[in-house]
Protein backbone atom coordinates (compact mmCIF):
# COMPACT_ATOMS: atom_id res chain seq x y z
CA UNK A 1 -1.37 1.52 -14.39
CA UNK A 2 0.93 0.83 -11.33
CA UNK A 3 2.79 2.94 -10.21
CA UNK A 4 5.83 2.89 -8.00
CA UNK A 5 6.00 6.09 -6.54
CA UNK A 6 4.50 9.82 -6.41
CA UNK A 7 6.99 11.16 -8.94
CA UNK A 8 6.47 8.78 -11.44
CA UNK A 9 3.27 10.02 -11.73
CA UNK A 10 1.70 12.31 -14.62
CA UNK A 11 -2.07 13.10 -14.47
CA UNK A 12 -5.44 13.65 -12.30
CA UNK A 13 -4.97 10.92 -9.76
CA UNK A 14 -7.41 7.71 -9.79
CA UNK A 15 -8.38 5.35 -6.96
CA UNK A 16 -6.74 2.57 -9.20
CA UNK A 17 -3.51 4.91 -8.48
CA UNK A 18 -3.52 5.27 -5.23
CA UNK A 19 -3.95 1.64 -4.43
CA UNK A 20 -0.78 1.08 -6.53
CA UNK A 21 1.19 3.52 -4.32
CA UNK A 22 4.33 1.29 -2.53
CA UNK A 23 3.42 1.25 0.87
CA UNK A 24 5.00 3.72 2.99
CA UNK A 25 4.07 3.73 6.52
CA UNK A 26 5.05 7.37 7.92
CA UNK A 27 2.00 8.67 5.85
CA UNK A 28 -1.39 7.94 4.73
CA UNK A 29 -2.44 8.27 0.85
CA UNK A 30 -6.01 9.51 0.52
CA UNK A 31 -7.80 11.01 -2.67
CA UNK A 32 -9.77 14.06 -2.47
CA UNK A 33 -11.57 14.38 -5.89
CA UNK A 34 -8.41 13.88 -8.25
CA UNK A 35 -6.04 15.58 -5.31
CA UNK A 36 -3.80 12.89 -3.57
CA UNK A 37 -3.56 14.33 -0.07
CA UNK A 38 -0.86 12.40 2.61
CA UNK A 39 -0.64 12.52 5.97
CA UNK A 40 1.66 11.94 8.32
CA UNK A 41 0.98 8.84 10.61
CA UNK A 42 -0.56 9.42 13.71
CA UNK A 43 1.19 9.98 16.85
CA UNK A 44 1.51 7.76 19.68
CA UNK A 45 -1.38 9.00 21.66
CA UNK A 46 -3.91 8.84 18.49
CA UNK A 47 -3.06 5.47 18.13
CA UNK A 48 -3.32 4.90 21.91
CA UNK A 49 -6.71 5.60 21.56
CA UNK A 50 -7.54 4.47 18.19
CA UNK A 51 -6.86 0.75 19.77
CA UNK A 52 -9.13 1.16 22.55
CA UNK A 53 -11.57 1.85 20.84
CA UNK A 54 -11.30 -0.75 18.34
CA UNK A 55 -10.99 -2.88 20.85
CA UNK A 56 -14.20 -1.54 22.77
CA UNK A 57 -15.64 -1.59 19.76
CA UNK A 58 -14.90 -4.91 19.24
CA UNK A 59 -15.94 -6.29 22.25
CA UNK A 60 -19.87 -4.71 21.92
CA UNK A 61 -20.56 -5.70 18.46
CA UNK A 62 -19.35 -9.52 19.49
CA UNK A 63 -21.59 -8.75 23.44
CA UNK A 64 -24.65 -8.00 20.42
CA UNK A 65 -23.87 -10.78 17.96
CA UNK A 66 -23.53 -7.45 15.34
CA UNK A 67 -22.20 -9.18 12.30
CA UNK A 68 -20.05 -6.14 11.68
CA UNK A 69 -15.83 -6.30 11.16
CA UNK A 70 -14.37 -3.35 13.32
CA UNK A 71 -11.18 -2.67 11.24
CA UNK A 72 -8.79 0.91 11.89
CA UNK A 73 -6.99 2.73 9.14
CA UNK A 74 -8.40 0.64 6.39
CA UNK A 75 -9.04 2.18 2.44
CA UNK A 76 -12.37 3.02 1.82
CA UNK A 77 -14.03 4.31 -1.44
CA UNK A 78 -16.71 6.53 -1.77
CA UNK A 79 -17.67 8.19 -4.63
CA UNK A 80 -15.35 10.89 -4.85
CA UNK A 81 -12.25 9.52 -4.19
CA UNK A 82 -10.71 7.15 -1.28
CA UNK A 83 -10.19 8.11 2.66
CA UNK A 84 -8.27 6.33 5.43
CA UNK A 85 -10.56 6.52 8.19
CA UNK A 86 -9.17 5.80 12.06
CA UNK A 87 -11.85 3.28 12.33
CA UNK A 88 -14.85 2.42 11.03
CA UNK A 89 -17.41 -0.56 11.43
CA UNK A 90 -18.26 -2.06 8.26
CA UNK A 91 -20.87 -5.21 7.19
CA UNK A 92 -18.71 -8.26 7.79
CA UNK A 93 -19.84 -9.65 4.98
CA UNK A 94 -18.18 -6.85 2.83
CA UNK A 95 -14.78 -7.84 4.64
CA UNK A 96 -15.38 -11.23 3.82
CA UNK A 97 -12.49 -11.08 0.87
CA UNK A 98 -8.66 -9.89 1.57
CA UNK A 99 -9.08 -6.69 -0.61
CA UNK A 100 -6.79 -3.68 0.04
CA UNK A 101 -10.61 -1.45 0.14
CA UNK A 102 -14.02 -1.32 1.22
CA UNK A 103 -16.68 0.18 -0.92
CA UNK A 104 -18.83 3.44 1.89
CA UNK A 105 -21.88 1.83 1.20
CA UNK A 106 -20.41 -1.38 3.33
CA UNK A 107 -20.21 1.17 6.09
CA UNK A 108 -21.82 2.08 8.69
CA UNK A 109 -20.19 3.81 10.42
CA UNK A 110 -16.42 5.97 10.61
CA UNK A 111 -14.10 7.26 13.31
CA UNK A 112 -12.13 10.15 13.51
CA UNK A 113 -9.80 11.16 15.56
CA UNK A 114 -8.59 14.77 15.96
CA UNK A 115 -5.52 15.72 15.78
CA UNK A 116 -3.57 18.92 15.27
CA UNK A 117 -2.41 18.39 11.34
CA UNK A 118 -5.68 17.08 10.50
CA UNK A 119 -8.02 18.83 12.64
CA UNK A 120 -9.76 20.28 9.46
CA UNK A 121 -10.33 17.72 7.66
CA UNK A 122 -11.79 15.75 10.44
CA UNK A 123 -13.89 18.13 11.69
CA UNK A 124 -15.51 19.94 8.17
CA UNK A 125 -14.08 18.47 5.08
CA UNK A 126 -14.53 14.23 6.11
CA UNK A 127 -18.13 14.92 6.91
CA UNK A 128 -18.77 15.83 3.68
CA UNK A 129 -17.59 13.59 1.79
CA UNK A 130 -18.95 10.34 4.22
CA UNK A 131 -22.73 12.30 3.94
CA UNK A 132 -22.19 12.25 0.31
CA UNK A 133 -21.48 8.78 0.45
CA UNK A 134 -24.39 7.62 2.34
CA UNK A 135 -21.97 6.16 6.02
CA UNK A 136 -25.28 5.82 8.24
CA UNK A 137 -22.93 7.88 10.93
CA UNK A 138 -19.99 9.16 12.12
CA UNK A 139 -18.02 9.19 15.50
CA UNK A 140 -15.37 11.89 16.05
CA UNK A 141 -12.41 11.72 18.73
CA UNK A 142 -11.45 15.18 20.42
CA UNK A 143 -8.33 14.78 22.56
CA UNK A 144 -7.93 18.74 24.00
CA UNK A 145 -8.75 19.54 26.71
CA UNK A 146 -10.06 16.86 27.64
CA UNK A 147 -11.27 13.54 25.48
CA UNK A 148 -14.65 13.55 24.19
CA UNK A 149 -16.54 11.21 21.25
CA UNK A 150 -19.18 13.50 19.34
CA UNK A 151 -21.60 11.20 17.76
CA UNK A 152 -23.43 12.25 14.89
CA UNK A 153 -26.51 9.68 13.07
CA UNK A 154 -26.81 11.00 9.51
CA UNK A 155 -29.97 12.56 8.46
CA UNK A 156 -31.51 14.63 5.48
CA UNK A 157 -27.78 14.07 3.87
CA UNK A 158 -26.21 16.13 6.91
CA UNK A 159 -24.68 14.38 10.03
CA UNK A 160 -26.46 15.63 13.65
CA UNK A 161 -24.60 16.05 16.37
CA UNK A 162 -26.99 13.38 18.28
CA UNK A 163 -25.05 12.95 21.60
CA UNK A 164 -21.63 14.00 22.94
CA UNK A 165 -20.09 11.82 25.86
CA UNK A 166 -17.79 13.65 27.87
CA UNK A 167 -14.70 12.17 29.99
CA UNK A 168 -15.52 11.03 33.23
CA UNK A 169 -19.04 10.31 32.07
CA UNK A 170 -20.63 7.47 30.76
CA UNK A 171 -22.55 7.64 27.83
CA UNK A 172 -24.45 4.85 26.31
CA UNK A 173 -25.40 4.99 22.35
CA UNK A 174 -27.90 1.95 20.58
CA UNK A 175 -26.44 2.74 17.16
CA UNK A 176 -24.92 0.84 15.07
CA UNK A 177 -25.18 -2.34 18.35
CA UNK A 178 -25.08 -1.63 22.14
CA UNK A 179 -22.09 0.53 23.35
CA UNK A 180 -21.07 2.01 26.21
CA UNK A 181 -17.68 4.70 26.12
CA UNK A 182 -15.85 6.80 29.02
CA UNK A 183 -13.41 9.05 26.80
CA UNK A 184 -11.29 9.66 30.01
CA UNK A 185 -8.84 6.90 29.41
CA UNK A 186 -8.74 6.53 26.24
CA UNK A 187 -5.22 8.15 24.71
CA UNK A 188 -4.19 7.80 28.91
CA UNK A 189 -0.68 6.26 28.93
């Protein structure tokens, strides 16, 4: 079924329905169960931090020779729907084709940047979905009062916080590849 617009849709949503929507850069569309969730496009501070994190992760992955690709705002198909994480570290083999989504099983790490409009989703709901899908690592960048990166790993079906990278301190992480970060400059203009 091809869906031209949200207004024309007449039943429960499927992944195929969401992927068939016309592209609208003002919103991100995600499917949680059979419910369509729309979020406003991220603001400048969010975009700036996402770009800098993407760049730093990409440089670290290349330096380590890790067979991964770092992607921003890509559709990820989960057993329970479709999400659009801010940053994804995926197996490079799974991103070889020019697809509009990747399966969760190819994802090694998801990273969400918390904004006022998505805090509950990024702190509580999405980690449950990512854990259910078996994604090995979940990182969350908190912007206020100062940038802080919370690094969690999947253990026993839940994410356990392993490290918190605080502003002004360089933190080293070894999974999915060696990476160092000081969150202080991520959102600064």
